[in-house]
Amino acid sequence: MKKIVIAGTAISIIVLTIISSASAFEGGGRKPSEAPLVTVGQHYTGQ
């Protein structure tokens, strides 16, 4: 029973890690001093 709980906890951690990784902030800055300079004509992606 103890092993199942540990396994379930590990799976939950993995799932949460996957969700957190997939939903991470990408592109741009969170404040003006961190904002990347846009080059006209260049293709940018964000999330």
Full PDB file with SEQRES, HELIX, SHEET, SSBOND, CRYST1, ORIGX, SCALE, CONECT and MASTER records, all heavy atoms in Angstrom:
SEQRES   1 A   47  MET LYS LYS ILE VAL ILE ALA GLY THR ALA ILE SER ILE          
SEQRES   2 A   47  ILE VAL LEU THR ILE ILE SER SER ALA SER ALA PHE GLU          
SEQRES   3 A   47  GLY GLY GLY ARG LYS PRO SER GLU ALA PRO LEU VAL THR          
SEQRES   4 A   47  VAL GLY GLN HIS TYR THR GLY GLN                              
HELIX    1 AA1 LYS A    2  ALA A   22  1                                  21    
HELIX    2 AA2 PRO A   32  GLU A   34  5                                   3    
CRYST1    1.000    1.000    1.000  90.00  90.00  90.00 P 1           1          
ORIGX1      1.000000  0.000000  0.000000        0.00000                         
ORIGX2      0.000000  1.000000  0.000000        0.00000                         
ORIGX3      0.000000  0.000000  1.000000        0.00000                         
SCALE1      1.000000  0.000000  0.000000        0.00000                         
SCALE2      0.000000  1.000000  0.000000        0.00000                         
SCALE3      0.000000  0.000000  1.000000        0.00000                         
ATOM      1  N   MET A   1       0.837  -1.208   0.000  1.00  0.00           N  
ATOM      2  CA  MET A   1       0.000   0.000   0.000  1.00  0.00           C  
ATOM      3  C   MET A   1       0.857   1.237   0.000  1.00  0.00           C  
ATOM      4  O   MET A   1       0.611   2.219  -0.676  1.00  0.00           O  
ATOM      5  CB  MET A   1      -0.915  -0.031   1.242  1.00  0.00           C  
ATOM      6  CG  MET A   1      -1.952   1.065   1.231  1.00  0.00           C  
ATOM      7  SD  MET A   1      -3.215   0.715   0.008  1.00  0.00           S  
ATOM      8  CE  MET A   1      -4.329   2.052   0.321  1.00  0.00           C  
ATOM      9  N   LYS A   2       1.941   1.213   0.742  1.00  0.00           N  
ATOM     10  CA  LYS A   2       2.852   2.344   0.833  1.00  0.00           C  
ATOM     11  C   LYS A   2       3.517   2.604  -0.501  1.00  0.00           C  
ATOM     12  O   LYS A   2       3.707   3.734  -0.934  1.00  0.00           O  
ATOM     13  CB  LYS A   2       3.895   2.052   1.909  1.00  0.00           C  
ATOM     14  CG  LYS A   2       4.752   3.240   2.279  1.00  0.00           C  
ATOM     15  CD  LYS A   2       5.618   2.892   3.462  1.00  0.00           C  
ATOM     16  CE  LYS A   2       6.445   4.095   3.874  1.00  0.00           C  
ATOM     17  NZ  LYS A   2       7.319   3.785   5.029  1.00  0.00           N  
ATOM     18  N   LYS A   3       3.876   1.510  -1.212  1.00  0.00           N  
ATOM     19  CA  LYS A   3       4.512   1.647  -2.525  1.00  0.00           C  
ATOM     20  C   LYS A   3       3.574   2.288  -3.526  1.00  0.00           C  
ATOM     21  O   LYS A   3       3.977   3.076  -4.373  1.00  0.00           O  
ATOM     22  CB  LYS A   3       4.964   0.275  -3.031  1.00  0.00           C  
ATOM     23  CG  LYS A   3       6.117  -0.308  -2.244  1.00  0.00           C  
ATOM     24  CD  LYS A   3       6.547  -1.642  -2.833  1.00  0.00           C  
ATOM     25  CE  LYS A   3       7.704  -2.252  -2.058  1.00  0.00           C  
ATOM     26  NZ  LYS A   3       8.136  -3.555  -2.615  1.00  0.00           N  
ATOM     27  N   ILE A   4       2.265   1.932  -3.458  1.00  0.00           N  
ATOM     28  CA  ILE A   4       1.272   2.495  -4.387  1.00  0.00           C  
ATOM     29  C   ILE A   4       1.140   3.990  -4.185  1.00  0.00           C  
ATOM     30  O   ILE A   4       1.063   4.756  -5.120  1.00  0.00           O  
ATOM     31  CB  ILE A   4      -0.088   1.788  -4.197  1.00  0.00           C  
ATOM     32  CG1 ILE A   4       0.006   0.342  -4.614  1.00  0.00           C  
ATOM     33  CG2 ILE A   4      -1.183   2.508  -4.984  1.00  0.00           C  
ATOM     34  CD1 ILE A   4      -1.249  -0.477  -4.321  1.00  0.00           C  
ATOM     35  N   VAL A   5       1.114   4.419  -2.908  1.00  0.00           N  
ATOM     36  CA  VAL A   5       1.017   5.851  -2.598  1.00  0.00           C  
ATOM     37  C   VAL A   5       2.213   6.602  -3.151  1.00  0.00           C  
ATOM     38  O   VAL A   5       2.104   7.662  -3.750  1.00  0.00           O  
ATOM     39  CB  VAL A   5       0.895   6.064  -1.070  1.00  0.00           C  
ATOM     40  CG1 VAL A   5       1.016   7.551  -0.739  1.00  0.00           C  
ATOM     41  CG2 VAL A   5      -0.424   5.507  -0.570  1.00  0.00           C  
ATOM     42  N   ILE A   6       3.394   6.015  -2.935  1.00  0.00           N  
ATOM     43  CA  ILE A   6       4.623   6.646  -3.446  1.00  0.00           C  
ATOM     44  C   ILE A   6       4.594   6.730  -4.960  1.00  0.00           C  
ATOM     45  O   ILE A   6       4.918   7.742  -5.561  1.00  0.00           O  
ATOM     46  CB  ILE A   6       5.870   5.846  -2.977  1.00  0.00           C  
ATOM     47  CG1 ILE A   6       6.007   5.966  -1.462  1.00  0.00           C  
ATOM     48  CG2 ILE A   6       7.120   6.350  -3.672  1.00  0.00           C  
ATOM     49  CD1 ILE A   6       7.085   5.074  -0.881  1.00  0.00           C  
ATOM     50  N   ALA A   7       4.150   5.648  -5.605  1.00  0.00           N  
ATOM     51  CA  ALA A   7       4.073   5.627  -7.071  1.00  0.00           C  
ATOM     52  C   ALA A   7       3.081   6.659  -7.560  1.00  0.00           C  
ATOM     53  O   ALA A   7       3.318   7.378  -8.537  1.00  0.00           O  
ATOM     54  CB  ALA A   7       3.679   4.220  -7.545  1.00  0.00           C  
ATOM     55  N   GLY A   8       1.922   6.716  -6.873  1.00  0.00           N  
ATOM     56  CA  GLY A   8       0.901   7.702  -7.264  1.00  0.00           C  
ATOM     57  C   GLY A   8       1.415   9.115  -7.110  1.00  0.00           C  
ATOM     58  O   GLY A   8       1.168   9.987  -7.951  1.00  0.00           O  
ATOM     59  N   THR A   9       2.136   9.363  -6.017  1.00  0.00           N  
ATOM     60  CA  THR A   9       2.716  10.696  -5.797  1.00  0.00           C  
ATOM     61  C   THR A   9       3.718  11.040  -6.886  1.00  0.00           C  
ATOM     62  O   THR A   9       3.757  12.155  -7.404  1.00  0.00           O  
ATOM     63  CB  THR A   9       3.404  10.758  -4.416  1.00  0.00           C  
ATOM     64  OG1 THR A   9       2.461  10.418  -3.412  1.00  0.00           O  
ATOM     65  CG2 THR A   9       3.964  12.144  -4.161  1.00  0.00           C  
ATOM     66  N   ALA A  10       4.526  10.086  -7.270  1.00  0.00           N  
ATOM     67  CA  ALA A  10       5.536  10.308  -8.322  1.00  0.00           C  
ATOM     68  C   ALA A  10       4.866  10.632  -9.640  1.00  0.00           C  
ATOM     69  O   ALA A  10       5.301  11.529 -10.379  1.00  0.00           O  
ATOM     70  CB  ALA A  10       6.408   9.050  -8.463  1.00  0.00           C  
ATOM     71  N   ILE A  11       3.785   9.879  -9.942  1.00  0.00           N  
ATOM     72  CA  ILE A  11       3.056  10.139 -11.187  1.00  0.00           C  
ATOM     73  C   ILE A  11       2.465  11.534 -11.170  1.00  0.00           C  
ATOM     74  O   ILE A  11       2.503  12.267 -12.166  1.00  0.00           O  
ATOM     75  CB  ILE A  11       1.948   9.075 -11.399  1.00  0.00           C  
ATOM     76  CG1 ILE A  11       2.579   7.714 -11.679  1.00  0.00           C  
ATOM     77  CG2 ILE A  11       1.028   9.482 -12.543  1.00  0.00           C  
ATOM     78  CD1 ILE A  11       1.578   6.560 -11.682  1.00  0.00           C  
ATOM     79  N   SER A  12       1.908  11.940 -10.010  1.00  0.00           N  
ATOM     80  CA  SER A  12       1.323  13.276  -9.890  1.00  0.00           C  
ATOM     81  C   SER A  12       2.367  14.351 -10.117  1.00  0.00           C  
ATOM     82  O   SER A  12       2.127  15.362 -10.789  1.00  0.00           O  
ATOM     83  CB  SER A  12       0.687  13.447  -8.497  1.00  0.00           C  
ATOM     84  OG  SER A  12      -0.353  12.515  -8.315  1.00  0.00           O  
ATOM     85  N   ILE A  13       3.555  14.134  -9.557  1.00  0.00           N  
ATOM     86  CA  ILE A  13       4.649  15.097  -9.735  1.00  0.00           C  
ATOM     87  C   ILE A  13       5.032  15.205 -11.196  1.00  0.00           C  
ATOM     88  O   ILE A  13       5.245  16.293 -11.735  1.00  0.00           O  
ATOM     89  CB  ILE A  13       5.867  14.697  -8.872  1.00  0.00           C  
ATOM     90  CG1 ILE A  13       5.529  14.869  -7.392  1.00  0.00           C  
ATOM     91  CG2 ILE A  13       7.079  15.542  -9.240  1.00  0.00           C  
ATOM     92  CD1 ILE A  13       6.596  14.309  -6.457  1.00  0.00           C  
ATOM     93  N   ILE A  14       5.113  14.059 -11.874  1.00  0.00           N  
ATOM     94  CA  ILE A  14       5.472  14.041 -13.293  1.00  0.00           C  
ATOM     95  C   ILE A  14       4.428  14.786 -14.114  1.00  0.00           C  
ATOM     96  O   ILE A  14       4.744  15.594 -14.978  1.00  0.00           O  
ATOM     97  CB  ILE A  14       5.625  12.593 -13.807  1.00  0.00           C  
ATOM     98  CG1 ILE A  14       6.848  11.943 -13.147  1.00  0.00           C  
ATOM     99  CG2 ILE A  14       5.747  12.574 -15.329  1.00  0.00           C  
ATOM    100  CD1 ILE A  14       6.969  10.450 -13.414  1.00  0.00           C  
ATOM    101  N   VAL A  15       3.124  14.503 -13.804  1.00  0.00           N  
ATOM    102  CA  VAL A  15       2.036  15.156 -14.537  1.00  0.00           C  
ATOM    103  C   VAL A  15       2.081  16.662 -14.335  1.00  0.00           C  
ATOM    104  O   VAL A  15       1.967  17.448 -15.268  1.00  0.00           O  
ATOM    105  CB  VAL A  15       0.666  14.595 -14.096  1.00  0.00           C  
ATOM    106  CG1 VAL A  15      -0.458  15.442 -14.669  1.00  0.00           C  
ATOM    107  CG2 VAL A  15       0.532  13.156 -14.544  1.00  0.00           C  
ATOM    108  N   LEU A  16       2.248  17.083 -13.067  1.00  0.00           N  
ATOM    109  CA  LEU A  16       2.310  18.513 -12.770  1.00  0.00           C  
ATOM    110  C   LEU A  16       3.510  19.160 -13.442  1.00  0.00           C  
ATOM    111  O   LEU A  16       3.454  20.303 -13.917  1.00  0.00           O  
ATOM    112  CB  LEU A  16       2.373  18.734 -11.248  1.00  0.00           C  
ATOM    113  CG  LEU A  16       1.088  18.430 -10.481  1.00  0.00           C  
ATOM    114  CD1 LEU A  16       1.331  18.522  -8.975  1.00  0.00           C  
ATOM    115  CD2 LEU A  16      -0.022  19.400 -10.904  1.00  0.00           C  
ATOM    116  N   THR A  17       4.634  18.413 -13.468  1.00  0.00           N  
ATOM    117  CA  THR A  17       5.838  18.933 -14.139  1.00  0.00           C  
ATOM    118  C   THR A  17       5.578  19.128 -15.618  1.00  0.00           C  
ATOM    119  O   THR A  17       5.975  20.138 -16.211  1.00  0.00           O  
ATOM    120  CB  THR A  17       7.020  17.967 -13.936  1.00  0.00           C  
ATOM    121  OG1 THR A  17       7.248  17.816 -12.542  1.00  0.00           O  
ATOM    122  CG2 THR A  17       8.277  18.503 -14.617  1.00  0.00           C  
ATOM    123  N   ILE A  18       4.893  18.144 -16.238  1.00  0.00           N  
ATOM    124  CA  ILE A  18       4.579  18.238 -17.665  1.00  0.00           C  
ATOM    125  C   ILE A  18       3.669  19.416 -17.931  1.00  0.00           C  
ATOM    126  O   ILE A  18       3.874  20.206 -18.847  1.00  0.00           O  
ATOM    127  CB  ILE A  18       3.932  16.931 -18.172  1.00  0.00           C  
ATOM    128  CG1 ILE A  18       4.963  15.793 -18.138  1.00  0.00           C  
ATOM    129  CG2 ILE A  18       3.380  17.114 -19.582  1.00  0.00           C  
ATOM    130  CD1 ILE A  18       4.363  14.429 -18.423  1.00  0.00           C  
ATOM    131  N   ILE A  19       2.603  19.581 -17.068  1.00  0.00           N  
ATOM    132  CA  ILE A  19       1.662  20.694 -17.231  1.00  0.00           C  
ATOM    133  C   ILE A  19       2.374  22.016 -17.074  1.00  0.00           C  
ATOM    134  O   ILE A  19       2.219  22.939 -17.851  1.00  0.00           O  
ATOM    135  CB  ILE A  19       0.510  20.578 -16.213  1.00  0.00           C  
ATOM    136  CG1 ILE A  19      -0.355  19.367 -16.533  1.00  0.00           C  
ATOM    137  CG2 ILE A  19      -0.338  21.849 -16.196  1.00  0.00           C  
ATOM    138  CD1 ILE A  19      -1.435  19.097 -15.494  1.00  0.00           C  
ATOM    139  N   SER A  20       3.245  22.100 -16.029  1.00  0.00           N  
ATOM    140  CA  SER A  20       3.974  23.341 -15.763  1.00  0.00           C  
ATOM    141  C   SER A  20       4.904  23.677 -16.912  1.00  0.00           C  
ATOM    142  O   SER A  20       5.004  24.823 -17.347  1.00  0.00           O  
ATOM    143  CB  SER A  20       4.755  23.207 -14.459  1.00  0.00           C  
ATOM    144  OG  SER A  20       5.547  24.350 -14.235  1.00  0.00           O  
ATOM    145  N   SER A  21       5.595  22.620 -17.438  1.00  0.00           N  
ATOM    146  CA  SER A  21       6.523  22.850 -18.540  1.00  0.00           C  
ATOM    147  C   SER A  21       5.790  23.287 -19.787  1.00  0.00           C  
ATOM    148  O   SER A  21       6.224  24.173 -20.511  1.00  0.00           O  
ATOM    149  CB  SER A  21       7.318  21.570 -18.803  1.00  0.00           C  
ATOM    150  OG  SER A  21       8.134  21.717 -19.938  1.00  0.00           O  
ATOM    151  N   ALA A  22       4.625  22.647 -20.064  1.00  0.00           N  
ATOM    152  CA  ALA A  22       3.888  22.951 -21.288  1.00  0.00           C  
ATOM    153  C   ALA A  22       3.256  24.326 -21.245  1.00  0.00           C  
ATOM    154  O   ALA A  22       2.941  24.894 -22.276  1.00  0.00           O  
ATOM    155  CB  ALA A  22       2.815  21.891 -21.512  1.00  0.00           C  
ATOM    156  N   SER A  23       3.044  24.835 -20.014  1.00  0.00           N  
ATOM    157  CA  SER A  23       2.336  26.103 -19.911  1.00  0.00           C  
ATOM    158  C   SER A  23       3.247  27.256 -19.515  1.00  0.00           C  
ATOM    159  O   SER A  23       2.775  28.293 -19.075  1.00  0.00           O  
ATOM    160  CB  SER A  23       1.207  25.959 -18.873  1.00  0.00           C  
ATOM    161  OG  SER A  23       1.754  25.618 -17.611  1.00  0.00           O  
ATOM    162  N   ALA A  24       4.545  27.056 -19.603  1.00  0.00           N  
ATOM    163  CA  ALA A  24       5.491  28.089 -19.171  1.00  0.00           C  
ATOM    164  C   ALA A  24       5.384  29.324 -20.059  1.00  0.00           C  
ATOM    165  O   ALA A  24       5.101  29.238 -21.246  1.00  0.00           O  
ATOM    166  CB  ALA A  24       6.905  27.530 -19.206  1.00  0.00           C  
ATOM    167  N   PHE A  25       5.643  30.475 -19.444  1.00  0.00           N  
ATOM    168  CA  PHE A  25       5.678  31.752 -20.169  1.00  0.00           C  
ATOM    169  C   PHE A  25       6.866  31.751 -21.120  1.00  0.00           C  
ATOM    170  O   PHE A  25       7.992  31.450 -20.719  1.00  0.00           O  
ATOM    171  CB  PHE A  25       5.807  32.878 -19.133  1.00  0.00           C  
ATOM    172  CG  PHE A  25       5.931  34.253 -19.723  1.00  0.00           C  
ATOM    173  CD1 PHE A  25       4.818  35.078 -19.844  1.00  0.00           C  
ATOM    174  CD2 PHE A  25       7.157  34.741 -20.141  1.00  0.00           C  
ATOM    175  CE1 PHE A  25       4.932  36.349 -20.361  1.00  0.00           C  
ATOM    176  CE2 PHE A  25       7.287  36.019 -20.662  1.00  0.00           C  
ATOM    177  CZ  PHE A  25       6.164  36.819 -20.782  1.00  0.00           C  
ATOM    178  N   GLU A  26       6.614  32.114 -22.389  1.00  0.00           N  
ATOM    179  CA  GLU A  26       7.695  32.168 -23.378  1.00  0.00           C  
ATOM    180  C   GLU A  26       7.536  33.405 -24.242  1.00  0.00           C  
ATOM    181  O   GLU A  26       6.420  33.783 -24.607  1.00  0.00           O  
ATOM    182  CB  GLU A  26       7.686  30.925 -24.275  1.00  0.00           C  
ATOM    183  CG  GLU A  26       7.986  29.621 -23.551  1.00  0.00           C  
ATOM    184  CD  GLU A  26       7.923  28.431 -24.487  1.00  0.00           C  
ATOM    185  OE1 GLU A  26       7.767  28.643 -25.703  1.00  0.00           O  
ATOM    186  OE2 GLU A  26       8.006  27.299 -24.008  1.00  0.00           O  
ATOM    187  N   GLY A  27       8.651  34.024 -24.596  1.00  0.00           N  
ATOM    188  CA  GLY A  27       8.626  35.177 -25.498  1.00  0.00           C  
ATOM    189  C   GLY A  27       8.277  36.459 -24.772  1.00  0.00           C  
ATOM    190  O   GLY A  27       7.445  36.476 -23.876  1.00  0.00           O  
ATOM    191  N   GLY A  28       8.920  37.565 -25.152  1.00  0.00           N  
ATOM    192  CA  GLY A  28       8.633  38.839 -24.518  1.00  0.00           C  
ATOM    193  C   GLY A  28       9.220  38.915 -23.127  1.00  0.00           C  
ATOM    194  O   GLY A  28       9.872  37.991 -22.632  1.00  0.00           O  
ATOM    195  N   GLY A  29       8.982  40.046 -22.464  1.00  0.00           N  
ATOM    196  CA  GLY A  29       9.442  40.233 -21.092  1.00  0.00           C  
ATOM    197  C   GLY A  29       8.257  40.464 -20.181  1.00  0.00           C  
ATOM    198  O   GLY A  29       7.171  40.842 -20.620  1.00  0.00           O  
ATOM    199  N   ARG A  30       8.465  40.248 -18.893  1.00  0.00           N  
ATOM    200  CA  ARG A  30       7.395  40.449 -17.923  1.00  0.00           C  
ATOM    201  C   ARG A  30       7.314  41.896 -17.448  1.00  0.00           C  
ATOM    202  O   ARG A  30       6.375  42.267 -16.741  1.00  0.00           O  
ATOM    203  CB  ARG A  30       7.574  39.505 -16.743  1.00  0.00           C  
ATOM    204  CG  ARG A  30       7.307  38.045 -17.110  1.00  0.00           C  
ATOM    205  CD  ARG A  30       7.466  37.163 -15.881  1.00  0.00           C  
ATOM    206  NE  ARG A  30       7.143  35.766 -16.185  1.00  0.00           N  
ATOM    207  CZ  ARG A  30       5.943  35.224 -16.006  1.00  0.00           C  
ATOM    208  NH1 ARG A  30       4.957  35.948 -15.552  1.00  0.00           N  
ATOM    209  NH2 ARG A  30       5.743  33.952 -16.285  1.00  0.00           N  
ATOM    210  N   LYS A  31       8.303  42.718 -17.821  1.00  0.00           N  
ATOM    211  CA  LYS A  31       8.281  44.152 -17.526  1.00  0.00           C  
ATOM    212  C   LYS A  31       9.111  44.858 -18.601  1.00  0.00           C  
ATOM    213  O   LYS A  31       9.900  44.211 -19.305  1.00  0.00           O  
ATOM    214  CB  LYS A  31       8.812  44.430 -16.126  1.00  0.00           C  
ATOM    215  CG  LYS A  31      10.199  43.862 -15.839  1.00  0.00           C  
ATOM    216  CD  LYS A  31      10.557  44.067 -14.377  1.00  0.00           C  
ATOM    217  CE  LYS A  31      11.926  43.445 -14.046  1.00  0.00           C  
ATOM    218  NZ  LYS A  31      12.271  43.642 -12.613  1.00  0.00           N  
ATOM    219  N   PRO A  32       8.941  46.155 -18.761  1.00  0.00           N  
ATOM    220  CA  PRO A  32       9.612  46.869 -19.869  1.00  0.00           C  
ATOM    221  C   PRO A  32      11.121  46.678 -19.928  1.00  0.00           C  
ATOM    222  O   PRO A  32      11.689  46.549 -21.015  1.00  0.00           O  
ATOM    223  CB  PRO A  32       9.232  48.327 -19.612  1.00  0.00           C  
ATOM    224  CG  PRO A  32       7.888  48.250 -18.964  1.00  0.00           C  
ATOM    225  CD  PRO A  32       7.965  47.041 -18.080  1.00  0.00           C  
ATOM    226  N   SER A  33      11.796  46.649 -18.776  1.00  0.00           N  
ATOM    227  CA  SER A  33      13.256  46.506 -18.803  1.00  0.00           C  
ATOM    228  C   SER A  33      13.700  45.148 -19.330  1.00  0.00           C  
ATOM    229  O   SER A  33      14.857  44.976 -19.727  1.00  0.00           O  
ATOM    230  CB  SER A  33      13.835  46.739 -17.406  1.00  0.00           C  
ATOM    231  OG  SER A  33      13.356  45.755 -16.502  1.00  0.00           O  
ATOM    232  N   GLU A  34      12.792  44.166 -19.337  1.00  0.00           N  
ATOM    233  CA  GLU A  34      13.117  42.828 -19.842  1.00  0.00           C  
ATOM    234  C   GLU A  34      12.625  42.614 -21.273  1.00  0.00           C  
ATOM    235  O   GLU A  34      12.840  41.547 -21.846  1.00  0.00           O  
ATOM    236  CB  GLU A  34      12.476  41.764 -18.935  1.00  0.00           C  
ATOM    237  CG  GLU A  34      12.975  41.794 -17.500  1.00  0.00           C  
ATOM    238  CD  GLU A  34      12.216  40.832 -16.608  1.00  0.00           C  
ATOM    239  OE1 GLU A  34      11.216  40.249 -17.093  1.00  0.00           O  
ATOM    240  OE2 GLU A  34      12.601  40.657 -15.438  1.00  0.00           O  
ATOM    241  N   ALA A  35      11.957  43.618 -21.837  1.00  0.00           N  
ATOM    242  CA  ALA A  35      11.335  43.448 -23.155  1.00  0.00           C  
ATOM    243  C   ALA A  35      12.383  43.373 -24.259  1.00  0.00           C  
ATOM    244  O   ALA A  35      13.234  44.271 -24.381  1.00  0.00           O  
ATOM    245  CB  ALA A  35      10.384  44.612 -23.434  1.00  0.00           C  
ATOM    246  N   PRO A  36      12.366  42.322 -25.072  1.00  0.00           N  
ATOM    247  CA  PRO A  36      13.302  42.243 -26.202  1.00  0.00           C  
ATOM    248  C   PRO A  36      12.922  43.250 -27.289  1.00  0.00           C  
ATOM    249  O   PRO A  36      11.739  43.562 -27.485  1.00  0.00           O  
ATOM    250  CB  PRO A  36      13.148  40.803 -26.697  1.00  0.00           C  
ATOM    251  CG  PRO A  36      11.791  40.393 -26.238  1.00  0.00           C  
ATOM    252  CD  PRO A  36      11.506  41.133 -24.979  1.00  0.00           C  
ATOM    253  N   LEU A  37      13.912  43.765 -27.981  1.00  0.00           N  
ATOM    254  CA  LEU A  37      13.677  44.711 -29.065  1.00  0.00           C  
ATOM    255  C   LEU A  37      13.211  43.969 -30.310  1.00  0.00           C  
ATOM    256  O   LEU A  37      13.845  43.011 -30.747  1.00  0.00           O  
ATOM    257  CB  LEU A  37      14.961  45.499 -29.383  1.00  0.00           C  
ATOM    258  CG  LEU A  37      14.883  46.491 -30.544  1.00  0.00           C  
ATOM    259  CD1 LEU A  37      13.883  47.606 -30.239  1.00  0.00           C  
ATOM    260  CD2 LEU A  37      16.255  47.078 -30.841  1.00  0.00           C  
ATOM    261  N   VAL A  38      12.110  44.425 -30.880  1.00  0.00           N  
ATOM    262  CA  VAL A  38      11.541  43.810 -32.077  1.00  0.00           C  
ATOM    263  C   VAL A  38      12.278  44.323 -33.311  1.00  0.00           C  
ATOM    264  O   VAL A  38      12.482  45.535 -33.462  1.00  0.00           O  
ATOM    265  CB  VAL A  38      10.039  44.136 -32.190  1.00  0.00           C  
ATOM    266  CG1 VAL A  38       9.485  43.697 -33.544  1.00  0.00           C  
ATOM    267  CG2 VAL A  38       9.270  43.463 -31.061  1.00  0.00           C  
ATOM    268  N   THR A  39      12.675  43.418 -34.157  1.00  0.00           N  
ATOM    269  CA  THR A  39      13.253  43.770 -35.451  1.00  0.00           C  
ATOM    270  C   THR A  39      12.167  43.682 -36.515  1.00  0.00           C  
ATOM    271  O   THR A  39      11.494  42.647 -36.628  1.00  0.00           O  
ATOM    272  CB  THR A  39      14.413  42.828 -35.825  1.00  0.00           C  
ATOM    273  OG1 THR A  39      15.438  42.945 -34.831  1.00  0.00           O  
ATOM    274  CG2 THR A  39      14.984  43.175 -37.190  1.00  0.00           C  
ATOM    275  N   VAL A  40      11.988  44.755 -37.251  1.00  0.00           N  
ATOM    276  CA  VAL A  40      10.947  44.790 -38.277  1.00  0.00           C  
ATOM    277  C   VAL A  40      11.171  43.677 -39.287  1.00  0.00           C  
ATOM    278  O   VAL A  40      12.286  43.469 -39.768  1.00  0.00           O  
ATOM    279  CB  VAL A  40      10.940  46.168 -38.976  1.00  0.00           C  
ATOM    280  CG1 VAL A  40      10.039  46.146 -40.199  1.00  0.00           C  
ATOM    281  CG2 VAL A  40      10.486  47.249 -38.005  1.00  0.00           C  
ATOM    282  N   GLY A  41      10.089  42.942 -39.583  1.00  0.00           N  
ATOM    283  CA  GLY A  41      10.156  41.865 -40.572  1.00  0.00           C  
ATOM    284  C   GLY A  41      10.524  40.509 -40.015  1.00  0.00           C  
ATOM    285  O   GLY A  41      10.442  39.513 -40.732  1.00  0.00           O  
ATOM    286  N   GLN A  42      10.933  40.432 -38.759  1.00  0.00           N  
ATOM    287  CA  GLN A  42      11.323  39.145 -38.180  1.00  0.00           C  
ATOM    288  C   GLN A  42      10.124  38.465 -37.520  1.00  0.00           C  
ATOM    289  O   GLN A  42       9.297  39.124 -36.896  1.00  0.00           O  
ATOM    290  CB  GLN A  42      12.443  39.342 -37.155  1.00  0.00           C  
ATOM    291  CG  GLN A  42      12.974  38.036 -36.579  1.00  0.00           C  
ATOM    292  CD  GLN A  42      14.242  38.241 -35.767  1.00  0.00           C  
ATOM    293  OE1 GLN A  42      15.059  39.089 -36.101  1.00  0.00           O  
ATOM    294  NE2 GLN A  42      14.405  37.478 -34.694  1.00  0.00           N  
ATOM    295  N   HIS A  43      10.062  37.150 -37.644  1.00  0.00           N  
ATOM    296  CA  HIS A  43       8.949  36.356 -37.104  1.00  0.00           C  
ATOM    297  C   HIS A  43       9.261  35.964 -35.657  1.00  0.00           C  
ATOM    298  O   HIS A  43      10.308  35.387 -35.377  1.00  0.00           O  
ATOM    299  CB  HIS A  43       8.757  35.102 -37.967  1.00  0.00           C  
ATOM    300  CG  HIS A  43       7.555  34.307 -37.608  1.00  0.00           C  
ATOM    301  ND1 HIS A  43       7.319  33.052 -38.093  1.00  0.00           N  
ATOM    302  CD2 HIS A  43       6.503  34.582 -36.792  1.00  0.00           C  
ATOM    303  CE1 HIS A  43       6.192  32.573 -37.606  1.00  0.00           C  
ATOM    304  NE2 HIS A  43       5.678  33.497 -36.806  1.00  0.00           N  
ATOM    305  N   TYR A  44       8.323  36.291 -34.751  1.00  0.00           N  
ATOM    306  CA  TYR A  44       8.505  35.968 -33.336  1.00  0.00           C  
ATOM    307  C   TYR A  44       7.396  35.030 -32.868  1.00  0.00           C  
ATOM    308  O   TYR A  44       6.267  35.092 -33.368  1.00  0.00           O  
ATOM    309  CB  TYR A  44       8.480  37.238 -32.478  1.00  0.00           C  
ATOM    310  CG  TYR A  44       9.635  38.164 -32.743  1.00  0.00           C  
ATOM    311  CD1 TYR A  44       9.521  39.197 -33.669  1.00  0.00           C  
ATOM    312  CD2 TYR A  44      10.847  38.012 -32.073  1.00  0.00           C  
ATOM    313  CE1 TYR A  44      10.576  40.052 -33.915  1.00  0.00           C  
ATOM    314  CE2 TYR A  44      11.913  38.871 -32.320  1.00  0.00           C  
ATOM    315  CZ  TYR A  44      11.772  39.881 -33.241  1.00  0.00           C  
ATOM    316  OH  TYR A  44      12.828  40.727 -33.491  1.00  0.00           O  
ATOM    317  N   THR A  45       7.717  34.183 -31.899  1.00  0.00           N  
ATOM    318  CA  THR A  45       6.723  33.308 -31.290  1.00  0.00           C  
ATOM    319  C   THR A  45       6.727  33.522 -29.779  1.00  0.00           C  
ATOM    320  O   THR A  45       7.739  33.902 -29.189  1.00  0.00           O  
ATOM    321  CB  THR A  45       7.015  31.830 -31.588  1.00  0.00           C  
ATOM    322  OG1 THR A  45       8.313  31.495 -31.068  1.00  0.00           O  
ATOM    323  CG2 THR A  45       6.970  31.570 -33.083  1.00  0.00           C  
ATOM    324  N   GLY A  46       5.580  33.285 -29.155  1.00  0.00           N  
ATOM    325  CA  GLY A  46       5.462  33.415 -27.715  1.00  0.00           C  
ATOM    326  C   GLY A  46       4.396  32.494 -27.194  1.00  0.00           C  
ATOM    327  O   GLY A  46       3.691  31.815 -27.955  1.00  0.00           O  
ATOM    328  N   GLN A  47       4.245  32.469 -25.880  1.00  0.00           N  
ATOM    329  CA  GLN A  47       3.275  31.586 -25.257  1.00  0.00           C  
ATOM    330  C   GLN A  47       2.786  32.199 -23.951  1.00  0.00           C  
ATOM    331  O   GLN A  47       3.585  32.645 -23.124  1.00  0.00           O  
ATOM    332  CB  GLN A  47       3.929  30.228 -24.992  1.00  0.00           C  
ATOM    333  CG  GLN A  47       2.984  29.159 -24.493  1.00  0.00           C  
ATOM    334  CD  GLN A  47       3.647  27.798 -24.521  1.00  0.00           C  
ATOM    335  OE1 GLN A  47       3.623  27.116 -25.535  1.00  0.00           O  
ATOM    336  NE2 GLN A  47       4.235  27.400 -23.401  1.00  0.00           N  
TER     337      GLN A  47                                                      
MASTER        0    0    0    2    0    0    0    6  336    1    0    4          
END                                                                             
